[in-house]
N, C-alpha and C. Protein backbone atom coordinates (compact mmCIF):
# COMPACT_ATOMS: atom_id res chain seq x y z
N MET A 1 -18.75 -24.05 36.55
CA MET A 1 -18.55 -25.31 35.89
C MET A 1 -18.43 -26.46 36.87
N PHE A 2 -17.90 -26.19 38.06
CA PHE A 2 -17.67 -27.25 39.04
C PHE A 2 -18.03 -26.70 40.41
N GLU A 3 -18.73 -27.51 41.19
CA GLU A 3 -19.09 -27.04 42.53
C GLU A 3 -19.24 -28.23 43.47
N THR A 4 -18.65 -28.09 44.67
CA THR A 4 -18.89 -29.01 45.76
C THR A 4 -19.30 -28.15 46.94
N SER A 5 -19.49 -28.77 48.09
CA SER A 5 -19.92 -27.99 49.26
C SER A 5 -18.86 -27.01 49.74
N ASP A 6 -17.58 -27.22 49.35
CA ASP A 6 -16.53 -26.33 49.84
C ASP A 6 -15.68 -25.69 48.74
N ARG A 7 -15.99 -25.94 47.47
CA ARG A 7 -15.20 -25.38 46.37
C ARG A 7 -16.09 -25.08 45.17
N ILE A 8 -15.73 -24.00 44.46
CA ILE A 8 -16.42 -23.65 43.23
C ILE A 8 -15.35 -23.28 42.20
N SER A 9 -15.49 -23.76 40.99
CA SER A 9 -14.59 -23.40 39.91
C SER A 9 -15.41 -22.90 38.72
N PHE A 10 -14.97 -21.79 38.17
CA PHE A 10 -15.58 -21.24 36.96
C PHE A 10 -14.55 -21.32 35.86
N ASN A 11 -14.99 -21.73 34.68
CA ASN A 11 -14.08 -21.87 33.55
C ASN A 11 -14.71 -21.24 32.32
N LYS A 12 -13.86 -20.68 31.48
CA LYS A 12 -14.31 -20.11 30.21
C LYS A 12 -13.32 -20.55 29.14
N GLY A 13 -13.83 -20.97 28.01
CA GLY A 13 -12.96 -21.32 26.90
C GLY A 13 -13.06 -22.77 26.48
N TYR A 14 -13.98 -23.51 27.04
CA TYR A 14 -14.20 -24.89 26.63
C TYR A 14 -15.43 -24.92 25.74
N THR A 15 -15.27 -25.46 24.55
CA THR A 15 -16.38 -25.47 23.61
C THR A 15 -16.66 -26.91 23.18
N GLU A 16 -17.76 -27.11 22.48
CA GLU A 16 -18.09 -28.44 21.96
C GLU A 16 -17.08 -28.89 20.91
N GLU A 17 -16.34 -27.94 20.34
CA GLU A 17 -15.32 -28.26 19.35
C GLU A 17 -13.95 -28.46 19.99
N GLY A 18 -13.85 -28.34 21.30
CA GLY A 18 -12.58 -28.49 22.01
C GLY A 18 -12.20 -27.21 22.72
N PHE A 19 -10.93 -27.08 23.02
CA PHE A 19 -10.44 -25.92 23.76
C PHE A 19 -10.41 -24.69 22.85
N ALA A 20 -10.81 -23.55 23.39
CA ALA A 20 -10.67 -22.29 22.68
C ALA A 20 -9.21 -21.87 22.70
N GLU A 21 -8.88 -20.83 21.95
CA GLU A 21 -7.49 -20.36 21.92
C GLU A 21 -7.03 -19.92 23.31
N ARG A 22 -7.93 -19.33 24.07
CA ARG A 22 -7.61 -18.90 25.43
C ARG A 22 -8.63 -19.49 26.39
N VAL A 23 -8.13 -20.04 27.49
CA VAL A 23 -8.99 -20.68 28.48
C VAL A 23 -8.69 -20.05 29.84
N PHE A 24 -9.73 -19.81 30.63
CA PHE A 24 -9.57 -19.17 31.92
C PHE A 24 -10.21 -20.02 33.01
N HIS A 25 -9.58 -20.03 34.19
CA HIS A 25 -10.12 -20.73 35.36
C HIS A 25 -10.14 -19.76 36.53
N LEU A 26 -11.21 -19.79 37.30
CA LEU A 26 -11.31 -19.03 38.54
C LEU A 26 -11.75 -20.03 39.61
N HIS A 27 -10.91 -20.21 40.65
CA HIS A 27 -11.20 -21.16 41.72
C HIS A 27 -11.50 -20.39 43.00
N LEU A 28 -12.64 -20.67 43.60
CA LEU A 28 -13.02 -20.05 44.86
C LEU A 28 -12.95 -21.09 45.96
N ARG A 29 -12.27 -20.73 47.05
CA ARG A 29 -12.07 -21.65 48.17
C ARG A 29 -12.30 -20.92 49.48
N TYR A 30 -12.58 -21.69 50.51
CA TYR A 30 -12.64 -21.13 51.85
C TYR A 30 -11.24 -20.81 52.35
N VAL A 31 -11.14 -19.88 53.24
CA VAL A 31 -9.86 -19.55 53.87
C VAL A 31 -9.28 -20.83 54.48
N GLY A 32 -8.00 -21.07 54.23
CA GLY A 32 -7.34 -22.26 54.76
C GLY A 32 -7.29 -23.43 53.80
N ASP A 33 -8.04 -23.38 52.72
CA ASP A 33 -8.02 -24.44 51.72
C ASP A 33 -6.95 -24.07 50.69
N ASN A 34 -5.73 -24.48 50.96
CA ASN A 34 -4.58 -24.05 50.16
C ASN A 34 -3.94 -25.17 49.36
N ASP A 35 -4.68 -26.22 49.05
CA ASP A 35 -4.12 -27.36 48.34
C ASP A 35 -3.41 -26.94 47.05
N GLU A 36 -4.03 -26.05 46.29
CA GLU A 36 -3.43 -25.65 45.01
C GLU A 36 -2.10 -24.93 45.21
N LEU A 37 -1.97 -24.20 46.29
CA LEU A 37 -0.70 -23.51 46.57
C LEU A 37 0.39 -24.50 46.94
N TYR A 38 0.03 -25.50 47.73
CA TYR A 38 1.00 -26.54 48.07
C TYR A 38 1.45 -27.28 46.81
N PHE A 39 0.51 -27.64 45.95
CA PHE A 39 0.84 -28.36 44.72
C PHE A 39 1.72 -27.49 43.82
N ARG A 40 1.36 -26.22 43.67
CA ARG A 40 2.16 -25.29 42.86
C ARG A 40 3.60 -25.22 43.36
N ASP A 41 3.75 -25.02 44.66
CA ASP A 41 5.09 -24.89 45.23
C ASP A 41 5.89 -26.17 45.07
N TYR A 42 5.23 -27.30 45.20
CA TYR A 42 5.93 -28.57 45.04
C TYR A 42 6.45 -28.71 43.62
N LEU A 43 5.64 -28.34 42.64
CA LEU A 43 6.10 -28.42 41.26
C LEU A 43 7.26 -27.47 41.00
N ILE A 44 7.21 -26.29 41.57
CA ILE A 44 8.30 -25.32 41.39
C ILE A 44 9.60 -25.86 41.96
N GLU A 45 9.53 -26.51 43.10
CA GLU A 45 10.73 -26.96 43.80
C GLU A 45 11.17 -28.38 43.41
N HIS A 46 10.34 -29.10 42.69
CA HIS A 46 10.67 -30.47 42.25
C HIS A 46 10.45 -30.55 40.75
N THR A 47 11.43 -30.11 39.99
CA THR A 47 11.26 -30.00 38.54
C THR A 47 11.02 -31.35 37.87
N ASP A 48 11.53 -32.42 38.44
CA ASP A 48 11.27 -33.74 37.85
C ASP A 48 9.78 -34.08 37.89
N VAL A 49 9.13 -33.72 38.98
CA VAL A 49 7.69 -33.96 39.10
C VAL A 49 6.93 -33.03 38.15
N ALA A 50 7.40 -31.80 38.03
CA ALA A 50 6.76 -30.84 37.11
C ALA A 50 6.84 -31.34 35.67
N VAL A 51 7.96 -31.91 35.28
CA VAL A 51 8.11 -32.45 33.92
C VAL A 51 7.17 -33.64 33.72
N GLU A 52 7.07 -34.48 34.72
CA GLU A 52 6.15 -35.62 34.65
C GLU A 52 4.71 -35.14 34.50
N TYR A 53 4.34 -34.11 35.27
CA TYR A 53 2.99 -33.54 35.20
C TYR A 53 2.73 -32.93 33.82
N GLU A 54 3.72 -32.22 33.29
CA GLU A 54 3.58 -31.63 31.97
C GLU A 54 3.33 -32.69 30.91
N LYS A 55 4.09 -33.76 30.93
CA LYS A 55 3.93 -34.84 29.96
C LYS A 55 2.55 -35.47 30.06
N MET A 56 2.10 -35.69 31.30
CA MET A 56 0.78 -36.28 31.50
C MET A 56 -0.31 -35.36 30.95
N LYS A 57 -0.20 -34.07 31.23
CA LYS A 57 -1.21 -33.11 30.76
C LYS A 57 -1.26 -33.06 29.23
N LEU A 58 -0.10 -33.08 28.59
CA LEU A 58 -0.08 -33.04 27.13
C LEU A 58 -0.72 -34.30 26.53
N LYS A 59 -0.45 -35.43 27.14
CA LYS A 59 -1.04 -36.68 26.67
C LYS A 59 -2.57 -36.67 26.88
N LEU A 60 -2.99 -36.23 28.06
CA LEU A 60 -4.43 -36.19 28.36
C LEU A 60 -5.17 -35.16 27.53
N ARG A 61 -4.50 -34.07 27.20
CA ARG A 61 -5.15 -33.03 26.39
C ARG A 61 -5.62 -33.60 25.06
N LYS A 62 -4.78 -34.39 24.44
CA LYS A 62 -5.15 -35.01 23.16
C LYS A 62 -6.29 -36.01 23.34
N LYS A 63 -6.18 -36.81 24.39
CA LYS A 63 -7.17 -37.87 24.61
C LYS A 63 -8.54 -37.30 24.98
N TYR A 64 -8.56 -36.22 25.78
CA TYR A 64 -9.81 -35.69 26.32
C TYR A 64 -10.11 -34.28 25.84
N GLU A 65 -9.71 -33.95 24.63
CA GLU A 65 -9.92 -32.60 24.12
C GLU A 65 -11.37 -32.16 24.20
N PHE A 66 -12.28 -33.09 24.08
CA PHE A 66 -13.70 -32.75 24.09
C PHE A 66 -14.41 -33.21 25.36
N ASN A 67 -13.64 -33.54 26.40
CA ASN A 67 -14.24 -34.04 27.63
C ASN A 67 -13.47 -33.49 28.84
N ARG A 68 -13.82 -32.30 29.25
CA ARG A 68 -13.13 -31.61 30.34
C ARG A 68 -13.18 -32.42 31.64
N ASP A 69 -14.31 -33.03 31.94
CA ASP A 69 -14.43 -33.77 33.20
C ASP A 69 -13.46 -34.95 33.27
N ASP A 70 -13.38 -35.74 32.21
CA ASP A 70 -12.45 -36.87 32.23
C ASP A 70 -11.00 -36.41 32.23
N TYR A 71 -10.71 -35.30 31.58
CA TYR A 71 -9.36 -34.72 31.60
C TYR A 71 -8.98 -34.40 33.05
N THR A 72 -9.86 -33.72 33.74
CA THR A 72 -9.61 -33.34 35.14
C THR A 72 -9.51 -34.57 36.02
N ASN A 73 -10.44 -35.48 35.89
CA ASN A 73 -10.44 -36.69 36.72
C ASN A 73 -9.18 -37.52 36.53
N SER A 74 -8.65 -37.53 35.32
CA SER A 74 -7.45 -38.32 35.04
C SER A 74 -6.21 -37.77 35.72
N LYS A 75 -6.23 -36.50 36.11
CA LYS A 75 -5.10 -35.88 36.80
C LYS A 75 -5.23 -35.94 38.32
N THR A 76 -6.39 -36.27 38.82
CA THR A 76 -6.69 -36.12 40.24
C THR A 76 -5.76 -36.91 41.15
N ASP A 77 -5.52 -38.17 40.88
CA ASP A 77 -4.66 -38.98 41.75
C ASP A 77 -3.24 -38.42 41.82
N PHE A 78 -2.71 -38.00 40.68
CA PHE A 78 -1.38 -37.41 40.64
C PHE A 78 -1.33 -36.15 41.50
N ILE A 79 -2.30 -35.28 41.33
CA ILE A 79 -2.34 -34.01 42.07
C ILE A 79 -2.48 -34.28 43.57
N ARG A 80 -3.35 -35.17 43.95
CA ARG A 80 -3.52 -35.49 45.38
C ARG A 80 -2.24 -36.05 45.99
N LYS A 81 -1.59 -36.95 45.26
CA LYS A 81 -0.35 -37.57 45.75
C LYS A 81 0.69 -36.50 46.07
N TYR A 82 0.93 -35.59 45.16
CA TYR A 82 1.98 -34.60 45.37
C TYR A 82 1.54 -33.44 46.26
N THR A 83 0.26 -33.20 46.34
CA THR A 83 -0.23 -32.20 47.30
C THR A 83 0.01 -32.70 48.71
N GLU A 84 -0.26 -33.97 48.96
CA GLU A 84 -0.02 -34.54 50.29
C GLU A 84 1.47 -34.56 50.62
N LYS A 85 2.31 -34.89 49.65
CA LYS A 85 3.76 -34.84 49.88
C LYS A 85 4.19 -33.41 50.22
N ALA A 86 3.63 -32.44 49.54
CA ALA A 86 3.96 -31.05 49.80
C ALA A 86 3.56 -30.63 51.21
N LYS A 87 2.39 -31.06 51.65
CA LYS A 87 1.93 -30.70 53.00
C LYS A 87 2.87 -31.27 54.06
N VAL A 88 3.35 -32.49 53.83
CA VAL A 88 4.29 -33.09 54.77
C VAL A 88 5.62 -32.32 54.74
N GLU A 89 6.08 -32.04 53.53
CA GLU A 89 7.38 -31.37 53.38
C GLU A 89 7.35 -29.93 53.88
N TYR A 90 6.27 -29.21 53.62
CA TYR A 90 6.21 -27.78 53.92
C TYR A 90 5.51 -27.44 55.23
N GLY A 91 4.84 -28.41 55.81
CA GLY A 91 4.16 -28.16 57.10
C GLY A 91 3.09 -27.09 56.95
N ASP A 92 3.08 -26.18 57.88
CA ASP A 92 2.06 -25.11 57.91
C ASP A 92 2.51 -23.87 57.15
N ARG A 93 2.96 -24.06 55.94
CA ARG A 93 3.43 -22.93 55.11
C ARG A 93 2.33 -21.90 54.91
N TYR A 94 1.11 -22.35 54.77
CA TYR A 94 0.01 -21.42 54.49
C TYR A 94 -1.00 -21.40 55.63
């Protein structure tokens, strides 16, 4: 579903009628590309940010139920911001 020169994502469960009951994502990355792990850990350790992210996702889900690309793009700045904070806070964790 998504591909750049250094990342590939496969998704199942998105239909023209919206999200299926079950949706799956598979992300392939090169060794050392651990942004998603940093973001995950930051959310686990900063519950206030996790709650903010949850609220944003629920709002965007309604707005972009039939547009996966805009849903993803609308989260990008938030994810980048906290991924960078995590890298500073956690250093070379991965």
